[in-house]
């Protein structure tokens, strides 16, 4: 999923990677002209650090040790959020618990875990979801119990409404269009019908539907 998401990024763009699968994208853009921003206050983050070059002060959104690229710089959280809220991030790749057919994003609180509604940490995700020019979601297609995570309406607390433009799962790549969800790519060995059976909203099938290319 991270490798497929990396293919969506164009050279010259500024990108923020959210917690989880998205942070793995940093390992698939090496050598390209893409600037990663970490909302903790770092610009031009490099790939994940190996054991030999770990600096515990350099971490990404998942608190994983990362490297720095030439030209990397550091700043306060205030300045970092100003970049995000000011619309300077071209792309935000975020994880999600649920995505609706209208592009609503729920990614910070799972009430089924039994925690009170006020417990949870939305962090900077709502700022990224609204402030970035394009939001891509990477997530598993279904929950651990096999329930669809792509729904007609999100049932978990929302991070933001109508912001998701592209959903990349372990089964498919789905474009969020004004007319609904367009199935663009499917995992090798699957059929569109099988993906539909694990997706609550009705999917439109792209005329050039193809296998996911990595």
C-alpha atoms as a PDB file:
ATOM      1  CA  UNK A   1       0.000   0.000   0.000  1.00  0.00           C
ATOM      2  CA  UNK A   2       2.814   2.390   0.835  1.00  0.00           C
ATOM      3  CA  UNK A   3       4.581   1.608  -2.434  1.00  0.00           C
ATOM      4  CA  UNK A   4       1.376   2.133  -4.411  1.00  0.00           C
ATOM      5  CA  UNK A   5       0.734   5.415  -2.583  1.00  0.00           C
ATOM      6  CA  UNK A   6       4.267   6.581  -3.389  1.00  0.00           C
ATOM      7  CA  UNK A   7       3.440   6.266  -7.086  1.00  0.00           C
ATOM      8  CA  UNK A   8       0.774   8.950  -6.659  1.00  0.00           C
ATOM      9  CA  UNK A   9       3.317  11.564  -5.620  1.00  0.00           C
ATOM     10  CA  UNK A  10       4.687  13.937  -8.222  1.00  0.00           C
ATOM     11  CA  UNK A  11       8.173  15.382  -8.097  1.00  0.00           C
ATOM     12  CA  UNK A  12       8.281  18.870  -6.631  1.00  0.00           C
ATOM     13  CA  UNK A  13       5.509  18.253  -4.121  1.00  0.00           C
ATOM     14  CA  UNK A  14       5.413  18.774  -0.367  1.00  0.00           C
ATOM     15  CA  UNK A  15       3.919  15.796   1.423  1.00  0.00           C
ATOM     16  CA  UNK A  16       2.912  14.927   4.972  1.00  0.00           C
ATOM     17  CA  UNK A  17       2.702  11.288   6.014  1.00  0.00           C
ATOM     18  CA  UNK A  18       0.306  10.258   8.758  1.00  0.00           C
ATOM     19  CA  UNK A  19       0.671   7.569  11.397  1.00  0.00           C
ATOM     20  CA  UNK A  20       0.897   3.908  10.390  1.00  0.00           C
ATOM     21  CA  UNK A  21       1.102   2.694   6.804  1.00  0.00           C
ATOM     22  CA  UNK A  22       1.606   6.219   5.385  1.00  0.00           C
ATOM     23  CA  UNK A  23       4.946   6.689   7.145  1.00  0.00           C
ATOM     24  CA  UNK A  24       6.292   3.710   5.189  1.00  0.00           C
ATOM     25  CA  UNK A  25       5.963   5.774   1.995  1.00  0.00           C
ATOM     26  CA  UNK A  26       9.240   7.479   2.926  1.00  0.00           C
ATOM     27  CA  UNK A  27      11.100   4.297   1.984  1.00  0.00           C
ATOM     28  CA  UNK A  28       9.770   4.343  -1.591  1.00  0.00           C
ATOM     29  CA  UNK A  29      10.616   7.857  -2.775  1.00  0.00           C
ATOM     30  CA  UNK A  30      14.367   7.910  -2.262  1.00  0.00           C
ATOM     31  CA  UNK A  31      16.152   9.949  -4.912  1.00  0.00           C
ATOM     32  CA  UNK A  32      13.008  11.755  -6.015  1.00  0.00           C
ATOM     33  CA  UNK A  33      12.299  15.478  -5.622  1.00  0.00           C
ATOM     34  CA  UNK A  34       9.641  15.098  -2.920  1.00  0.00           C
ATOM     35  CA  UNK A  35       9.843  17.006   0.348  1.00  0.00           C
ATOM     36  CA  UNK A  36       8.393  15.271   3.387  1.00  0.00           C
ATOM     37  CA  UNK A  37       7.144  17.311   6.294  1.00  0.00           C
ATOM     38  CA  UNK A  38       6.708  15.905   9.796  1.00  0.00           C
ATOM     39  CA  UNK A  39       4.214  17.897  11.813  1.00  0.00           C
ATOM     40  CA  UNK A  40       6.436  17.640  14.886  1.00  0.00           C
ATOM     41  CA  UNK A  41       8.616  20.222  13.111  1.00  0.00           C
ATOM     42  CA  UNK A  42      10.875  18.757  10.457  1.00  0.00           C
ATOM     43  CA  UNK A  43      11.111  19.358   6.736  1.00  0.00           C
ATOM     44  CA  UNK A  44      12.892  17.114   4.216  1.00  0.00           C
ATOM     45  CA  UNK A  45      12.638  13.954   6.221  1.00  0.00           C
ATOM     46  CA  UNK A  46      14.431  10.977   4.688  1.00  0.00           C
ATOM     47  CA  UNK A  47      13.758   7.226   4.759  1.00  0.00           C
ATOM     48  CA  UNK A  48      13.323   5.303   7.994  1.00  0.00           C
ATOM     49  CA  UNK A  49      16.608   5.017   9.880  1.00  0.00           C
ATOM     50  CA  UNK A  50      18.463   1.759  10.108  1.00  0.00           C
ATOM     51  CA  UNK A  51      19.807   0.599  13.471  1.00  0.00           C
ATOM     52  CA  UNK A  52      23.217   2.071  12.675  1.00  0.00           C
ATOM     53  CA  UNK A  53      21.994   5.630  12.080  1.00  0.00           C
ATOM     54  CA  UNK A  54      19.198   6.079  14.605  1.00  0.00           C
ATOM     55  CA  UNK A  55      18.979   9.525  16.177  1.00  0.00           C
ATOM     56  CA  UNK A  56      16.297   9.375  18.854  1.00  0.00           C
ATOM     57  CA  UNK A  57      15.495  13.051  18.325  1.00  0.00           C
ATOM     58  CA  UNK A  58      14.518  12.453  14.681  1.00  0.00           C
ATOM     59  CA  UNK A  59      11.165  10.702  14.453  1.00  0.00           C
ATOM     60  CA  UNK A  60       8.162  10.657  12.159  1.00  0.00           C
ATOM     61  CA  UNK A  61       4.448  10.743  13.006  1.00  0.00           C
ATOM     62  CA  UNK A  62       4.592   7.084  14.028  1.00  0.00           C
ATOM     63  CA  UNK A  63       7.520   7.860  16.374  1.00  0.00           C
ATOM     64  CA  UNK A  64       9.785   5.759  14.143  1.00  0.00           C
ATOM     65  CA  UNK A  65      13.400   6.925  13.788  1.00  0.00           C
ATOM     66  CA  UNK A  66      13.980   8.662  10.477  1.00  0.00           C
ATOM     67  CA  UNK A  67      16.915  10.115   8.616  1.00  0.00           C
ATOM     68  CA  UNK A  68      17.386  13.657   7.390  1.00  0.00           C
ATOM     69  CA  UNK A  69      18.153  14.649   3.815  1.00  0.00           C
ATOM     70  CA  UNK A  70      20.413  17.507   2.686  1.00  0.00           C
ATOM     71  CA  UNK A  71      18.595  20.774   3.327  1.00  0.00           C
ATOM     72  CA  UNK A  72      16.543  19.377   6.194  1.00  0.00           C
ATOM     73  CA  UNK A  73      15.404  21.985   8.697  1.00  0.00           C
ATOM     74  CA  UNK A  74      13.586  22.141  11.985  1.00  0.00           C
ATOM     75  CA  UNK A  75      10.940  24.440  13.405  1.00  0.00           C
ATOM     76  CA  UNK A  76       8.314  24.681  16.101  1.00  0.00           C
ATOM     77  CA  UNK A  77       4.977  22.907  16.140  1.00  0.00           C
ATOM     78  CA  UNK A  78       3.324  26.287  15.693  1.00  0.00           C
ATOM     79  CA  UNK A  79       5.179  26.897  12.436  1.00  0.00           C
ATOM     80  CA  UNK A  80       4.556  23.324  11.347  1.00  0.00           C
ATOM     81  CA  UNK A  81       0.796  23.618  11.833  1.00  0.00           C
ATOM     82  CA  UNK A  82       0.894  27.013  10.101  1.00  0.00           C
ATOM     83  CA  UNK A  83       2.337  25.301   7.020  1.00  0.00           C
ATOM     84  CA  UNK A  84      -0.440  22.712   7.121  1.00  0.00           C
ATOM     85  CA  UNK A  85      -3.297  25.112   7.871  1.00  0.00           C
ATOM     86  CA  UNK A  86      -1.945  27.593   5.366  1.00  0.00           C
ATOM     87  CA  UNK A  87      -2.440  25.132   2.510  1.00  0.00           C
ATOM     88  CA  UNK A  88       1.255  24.549   1.794  1.00  0.00           C
ATOM     89  CA  UNK A  89       1.039  20.752   1.846  1.00  0.00           C
ATOM     90  CA  UNK A  90       0.322  19.399  -1.627  1.00  0.00           C
ATOM     91  CA  UNK A  91      -0.578  15.926  -0.403  1.00  0.00           C
ATOM     92  CA  UNK A  92      -1.408  14.308   2.930  1.00  0.00           C
ATOM     93  CA  UNK A  93      -1.359  10.512   3.072  1.00  0.00           C
ATOM     94  CA  UNK A  94      -3.347   9.423   6.095  1.00  0.00           C
ATOM     95  CA  UNK A  95      -4.533   6.221   7.672  1.00  0.00           C
ATOM     96  CA  UNK A  96      -8.225   5.738   8.403  1.00  0.00           C
ATOM     97  CA  UNK A  97     -10.661   3.647  10.383  1.00  0.00           C
ATOM     98  CA  UNK A  98     -13.509   4.376   7.957  1.00  0.00           C
ATOM     99  CA  UNK A  99     -14.073   6.276   4.717  1.00  0.00           C
ATOM    100  CA  UNK A 100     -17.511   7.094   3.317  1.00  0.00           C
ATOM    101  CA  UNK A 101     -18.610   7.133  -0.305  1.00  0.00           C
ATOM    102  CA  UNK A 102     -18.606  10.944  -0.105  1.00  0.00           C
ATOM    103  CA  UNK A 103     -14.986  11.080   1.053  1.00  0.00           C
ATOM    104  CA  UNK A 104     -15.715  11.588   4.735  1.00  0.00           C
ATOM    105  CA  UNK A 105     -12.782  10.501   6.887  1.00  0.00           C
ATOM    106  CA  UNK A 106     -12.935   8.864  10.325  1.00  0.00           C
ATOM    107  CA  UNK A 107      -9.500   8.143  11.634  1.00  0.00           C
ATOM    108  CA  UNK A 108      -9.047   8.932  15.300  1.00  0.00           C
ATOM    109  CA  UNK A 109     -11.618   7.200  17.498  1.00  0.00           C
ATOM    110  CA  UNK A 110     -12.984   3.677  17.389  1.00  0.00           C
ATOM    111  CA  UNK A 111     -15.987   3.550  19.751  1.00  0.00           C
ATOM    112  CA  UNK A 112     -16.116  -0.259  19.407  1.00  0.00           C
ATOM    113  CA  UNK A 113     -12.984  -0.453  21.533  1.00  0.00           C
ATOM    114  CA  UNK A 114     -15.142   0.593  24.467  1.00  0.00           C
ATOM    115  CA  UNK A 115     -13.363   3.820  25.323  1.00  0.00           C
ATOM    116  CA  UNK A 116     -15.492   6.813  26.277  1.00  0.00           C
ATOM    117  CA  UNK A 117     -16.087   9.178  23.383  1.00  0.00           C
ATOM    118  CA  UNK A 118     -13.883  11.886  24.838  1.00  0.00           C
ATOM    119  CA  UNK A 119     -10.820   9.614  24.887  1.00  0.00           C
ATOM    120  CA  UNK A 120      -8.742   9.703  21.742  1.00  0.00           C
ATOM    121  CA  UNK A 121      -6.197  11.902  20.087  1.00  0.00           C
ATOM    122  CA  UNK A 122      -7.104  13.469  16.804  1.00  0.00           C
ATOM    123  CA  UNK A 123      -3.681  15.134  16.702  1.00  0.00           C
ATOM    124  CA  UNK A 124      -2.976  17.139  13.579  1.00  0.00           C
ATOM    125  CA  UNK A 125      -5.003  14.882  11.314  1.00  0.00           C
ATOM    126  CA  UNK A 126      -7.979  17.234  11.088  1.00  0.00           C
ATOM    127  CA  UNK A 127      -5.644  20.051  10.063  1.00  0.00           C
ATOM    128  CA  UNK A 128      -4.006  17.854   7.432  1.00  0.00           C
ATOM    129  CA  UNK A 129      -7.326  16.531   6.168  1.00  0.00           C
ATOM    130  CA  UNK A 130      -8.635  20.036   5.594  1.00  0.00           C
ATOM    131  CA  UNK A 131      -5.402  21.898   4.846  1.00  0.00           C
ATOM    132  CA  UNK A 132      -3.729  19.605   2.301  1.00  0.00           C
ATOM    133  CA  UNK A 133      -4.578  20.066  -1.358  1.00  0.00           C
ATOM    134  CA  UNK A 134      -5.074  16.306  -1.807  1.00  0.00           C
ATOM    135  CA  UNK A 135      -5.809  13.632   0.776  1.00  0.00           C
ATOM    136  CA  UNK A 136      -4.943  10.000   0.051  1.00  0.00           C
ATOM    137  CA  UNK A 137      -5.980   7.285   2.492  1.00  0.00           C
ATOM    138  CA  UNK A 138      -4.110   4.022   2.935  1.00  0.00           C
ATOM    139  CA  UNK A 139      -5.786   1.337   5.043  1.00  0.00           C
ATOM    140  CA  UNK A 140      -6.803  -2.308   5.052  1.00  0.00           C
ATOM    141  CA  UNK A 141     -10.018  -2.860   3.107  1.00  0.00           C
ATOM    142  CA  UNK A 142     -11.836  -4.513   6.021  1.00  0.00           C
ATOM    143  CA  UNK A 143     -11.530  -4.621   9.796  1.00  0.00           C
ATOM    144  CA  UNK A 144      -9.922  -7.453  11.733  1.00  0.00           C
ATOM    145  CA  UNK A 145     -13.433  -8.911  11.969  1.00  0.00           C
ATOM    146  CA  UNK A 146     -13.958  -8.697   8.224  1.00  0.00           C
ATOM    147  CA  UNK A 147     -16.319  -5.723   8.253  1.00  0.00           C
ATOM    148  CA  UNK A 148     -16.089  -3.142   5.444  1.00  0.00           C
ATOM    149  CA  UNK A 149     -14.212   0.035   6.255  1.00  0.00           C
ATOM    150  CA  UNK A 150     -15.511   1.782   3.134  1.00  0.00           C
ATOM    151  CA  UNK A 151     -19.091   2.668   4.010  1.00  0.00           C
ATOM    152  CA  UNK A 152     -22.067   4.644   2.783  1.00  0.00           C
ATOM    153  CA  UNK A 153     -21.816   6.705   5.965  1.00  0.00           C
ATOM    154  CA  UNK A 154     -19.056   6.640   8.578  1.00  0.00           C
ATOM    155  CA  UNK A 155     -20.285   5.434  11.952  1.00  0.00           C
ATOM    156  CA  UNK A 156     -17.201   6.555  13.898  1.00  0.00           C
ATOM    157  CA  UNK A 157     -16.470  10.174  14.879  1.00  0.00           C
ATOM    158  CA  UNK A 158     -15.298  12.090  11.829  1.00  0.00           C
ATOM    159  CA  UNK A 159     -11.947  13.709  11.291  1.00  0.00           C
ATOM    160  CA  UNK A 160     -13.252  15.757   8.349  1.00  0.00           C
ATOM    161  CA  UNK A 161     -16.047  15.678   5.775  1.00  0.00           C
ATOM    162  CA  UNK A 162     -15.613  15.179   2.054  1.00  0.00           C
ATOM    163  CA  UNK A 163     -11.826  15.405   1.964  1.00  0.00           C
ATOM    164  CA  UNK A 164     -10.609  12.005   0.738  1.00  0.00           C
ATOM    165  CA  UNK A 165      -9.725  11.939  -2.976  1.00  0.00           C
ATOM    166  CA  UNK A 166      -8.184   8.474  -3.291  1.00  0.00           C
ATOM    167  CA  UNK A 167      -8.370   5.283  -1.199  1.00  0.00           C
ATOM    168  CA  UNK A 168      -5.589   2.706  -1.453  1.00  0.00           C
ATOM    169  CA  UNK A 169      -6.240  -0.575   0.332  1.00  0.00           C
ATOM    170  CA  UNK A 170      -4.716  -4.034   0.296  1.00  0.00           C
ATOM    171  CA  UNK A 171      -7.419  -5.024  -2.206  1.00  0.00           C
ATOM    172  CA  UNK A 172      -8.046  -2.041  -4.423  1.00  0.00           C
ATOM    173  CA  UNK A 173      -7.421   1.521  -5.501  1.00  0.00           C
ATOM    174  CA  UNK A 174     -10.617   3.584  -5.442  1.00  0.00           C
ATOM    175  CA  UNK A 175     -11.118   7.115  -6.700  1.00  0.00           C
ATOM    176  CA  UNK A 176     -13.607   9.261  -4.783  1.00  0.00           C
ATOM    177  CA  UNK A 177     -15.551  11.167  -7.430  1.00  0.00           C
ATOM    178  CA  UNK A 178     -18.540  13.513  -7.198  1.00  0.00           C
ATOM    179  CA  UNK A 179     -20.653  10.687  -8.636  1.00  0.00           C
ATOM    180  CA  UNK A 180     -19.425   8.041  -6.189  1.00  0.00           C
ATOM    181  CA  UNK A 181     -16.600   5.566  -5.752  1.00  0.00           C
ATOM    182  CA  UNK A 182     -14.776   4.478  -8.889  1.00  0.00           C
ATOM    183  CA  UNK A 183     -12.895   1.177  -8.705  1.00  0.00           C
ATOM    184  CA  UNK A 184      -9.667   1.816 -10.605  1.00  0.00           C
ATOM    185  CA  UNK A 185      -7.379  -1.069  -9.667  1.00  0.00           C
ATOM    186  CA  UNK A 186      -7.700  -4.407  -7.900  1.00  0.00           C
ATOM    187  CA  UNK A 187      -5.194  -6.733  -6.281  1.00  0.00           C
ATOM    188  CA  UNK A 188      -3.951  -9.597  -8.472  1.00  0.00           C
ATOM    189  CA  UNK A 189      -6.235 -12.613  -8.322  1.00  0.00           C
ATOM    190  CA  UNK A 190      -9.327 -10.687  -7.252  1.00  0.00           C
ATOM    191  CA  UNK A 191     -12.406  -9.793  -9.238  1.00  0.00           C
ATOM    192  CA  UNK A 192     -14.409  -6.583  -9.088  1.00  0.00           C
ATOM    193  CA  UNK A 193     -17.300  -8.600  -7.650  1.00  0.00           C
ATOM    194  CA  UNK A 194     -15.138  -9.825  -4.783  1.00  0.00           C
ATOM    195  CA  UNK A 195     -14.023  -6.282  -3.957  1.00  0.00           C
ATOM    196  CA  UNK A 196     -17.656  -5.130  -4.140  1.00  0.00           C
ATOM    197  CA  UNK A 197     -18.698  -7.834  -1.670  1.00  0.00           C
ATOM    198  CA  UNK A 198     -16.338  -6.293   0.897  1.00  0.00           C
ATOM    199  CA  UNK A 199     -17.376  -2.702   0.189  1.00  0.00           C
ATOM    200  CA  UNK A 200     -20.666  -1.269   1.451  1.00  0.00           C
ATOM    201  CA  UNK A 201     -21.372   1.422  -1.179  1.00  0.00           C
ATOM    202  CA  UNK A 202     -22.014   0.457  -4.785  1.00  0.00           C
ATOM    203  CA  UNK A 203     -18.797   0.773  -6.749  1.00  0.00           C
ATOM    204  CA  UNK A 204     -18.556   2.135 -10.262  1.00  0.00           C
ATOM    205  CA  UNK A 205     -16.142   0.084 -12.349  1.00  0.00           C
ATOM    206  CA  UNK A 206     -13.553   1.949 -14.395  1.00  0.00           C
ATOM    207  CA  UNK A 207     -13.636   1.002 -18.106  1.00  0.00           C
ATOM    208  CA  UNK A 208      -9.888   0.378 -17.897  1.00  0.00           C
ATOM    209  CA  UNK A 209      -9.956  -1.511 -14.587  1.00  0.00           C
ATOM    210  CA  UNK A 210      -6.591  -3.184 -14.072  1.00  0.00           C
ATOM    211  CA  UNK A 211      -4.474  -4.953 -11.497  1.00  0.00           C
ATOM    212  CA  UNK A 212      -2.601  -2.813  -9.001  1.00  0.00           C
ATOM    213  CA  UNK A 213       0.758  -1.907 -10.492  1.00  0.00           C
ATOM    214  CA  UNK A 214       3.644  -1.391  -8.080  1.00  0.00           C
END
